[in-house]
Amino acid sequence: MATSLNQQSPVAQQTGSVLAGLQMLVSVLSWLAGYVQLTEEEQREAGIYLGD
């Protein structure tokens, strides 16, 4: 029985959907993180060290 190359198994479709959802979530979180900026004092209190 031959199958078309364009057909994907339900597992492959679900995996692709999950990966697309995760990429979208990372995108949104990165976008939101761009709006959050800590002062030097807040960074020091949080133990964040970004170099010189």
C-alpha atoms as a PDB file:
ATOM      1  CA  MET A   1       0.000   0.000   0.000  1.00  0.00           C
ATOM      2  CA  ALA A   2       1.532   3.295  -1.107  1.00  0.00           C
ATOM      3  CA  THR A   3       1.015   6.567   0.703  1.00  0.00           C
ATOM      4  CA  SER A   4       1.468  10.069  -0.615  1.00  0.00           C
ATOM      5  CA  LEU A   5       4.539  12.009   0.494  1.00  0.00           C
ATOM      6  CA  ASN A   6       2.281  14.941   1.357  1.00  0.00           C
ATOM      7  CA  GLN A   7       0.419  12.952   3.995  1.00  0.00           C
ATOM      8  CA  GLN A   8       1.740  13.045   7.533  1.00  0.00           C
ATOM      9  CA  SER A   9       0.922  10.715  10.362  1.00  0.00           C
ATOM     10  CA  PRO A  10      -1.171  12.166  13.194  1.00  0.00           C
ATOM     11  CA  VAL A  11       1.876  11.920  15.487  1.00  0.00           C
ATOM     12  CA  ALA A  12       3.994  13.992  13.068  1.00  0.00           C
ATOM     13  CA  GLN A  13       1.222  16.579  12.773  1.00  0.00           C
ATOM     14  CA  GLN A  14       0.873  16.778  16.546  1.00  0.00           C
ATOM     15  CA  THR A  15       4.632  17.111  17.030  1.00  0.00           C
ATOM     16  CA  GLY A  16       4.766  19.883  14.449  1.00  0.00           C
ATOM     17  CA  SER A  17       1.910  21.680  16.188  1.00  0.00           C
ATOM     18  CA  VAL A  18       3.597  21.405  19.577  1.00  0.00           C
ATOM     19  CA  LEU A  19       6.884  22.748  18.200  1.00  0.00           C
ATOM     20  CA  ALA A  20       5.095  25.642  16.496  1.00  0.00           C
ATOM     21  CA  GLY A  21       3.309  26.427  19.761  1.00  0.00           C
ATOM     22  CA  LEU A  22       6.570  26.388  21.716  1.00  0.00           C
ATOM     23  CA  GLN A  23       8.236  28.677  19.182  1.00  0.00           C
ATOM     24  CA  MET A  24       5.326  31.101  19.475  1.00  0.00           C
ATOM     25  CA  LEU A  25       5.529  31.002  23.284  1.00  0.00           C
ATOM     26  CA  VAL A  26       9.278  31.710  23.217  1.00  0.00           C
ATOM     27  CA  SER A  27       8.652  34.577  20.812  1.00  0.00           C
ATOM     28  CA  VAL A  28       6.014  36.148  23.041  1.00  0.00           C
ATOM     29  CA  LEU A  29       8.136  35.726  26.176  1.00  0.00           C
ATOM     30  CA  SER A  30      11.154  37.281  24.449  1.00  0.00           C
ATOM     31  CA  TRP A  31       9.004  40.189  23.297  1.00  0.00           C
ATOM     32  CA  LEU A  32       7.669  40.730  26.823  1.00  0.00           C
ATOM     33  CA  ALA A  33      11.156  40.446  28.338  1.00  0.00           C
ATOM     34  CA  GLY A  34      12.201  43.377  26.166  1.00  0.00           C
ATOM     35  CA  TYR A  35       9.937  45.608  28.253  1.00  0.00           C
ATOM     36  CA  VAL A  36      11.478  44.616  31.584  1.00  0.00           C
ATOM     37  CA  GLN A  37      14.657  46.397  32.561  1.00  0.00           C
ATOM     38  CA  LEU A  38      16.150  46.190  36.016  1.00  0.00           C
ATOM     39  CA  THR A  39      18.173  48.959  37.564  1.00  0.00           C
ATOM     40  CA  GLU A  40      21.769  48.188  38.517  1.00  0.00           C
ATOM     41  CA  GLU A  41      20.714  48.000  42.160  1.00  0.00           C
ATOM     42  CA  GLU A  42      17.897  45.535  41.388  1.00  0.00           C
ATOM     43  CA  GLN A  43      20.306  43.398  39.364  1.00  0.00           C
ATOM     44  CA  ARG A  44      22.824  43.390  42.202  1.00  0.00           C
ATOM     45  CA  GLU A  45      20.148  42.457  44.747  1.00  0.00           C
ATOM     46  CA  ALA A  46      18.962  39.632  42.486  1.00  0.00           C
ATOM     47  CA  GLY A  47      22.510  38.356  42.075  1.00  0.00           C
ATOM     48  CA  ILE A  48      22.598  39.075  38.329  1.00  0.00           C
ATOM     49  CA  TYR A  49      26.056  39.794  36.965  1.00  0.00           C
ATOM     50  CA  LEU A  50      26.378  40.614  33.265  1.00  0.00           C
ATOM     51  CA  GLY A  51      30.063  41.496  33.183  1.00  0.00           C
ATOM     52  CA  ASP A  52      31.875  44.836  33.368  1.00  0.00           C
END
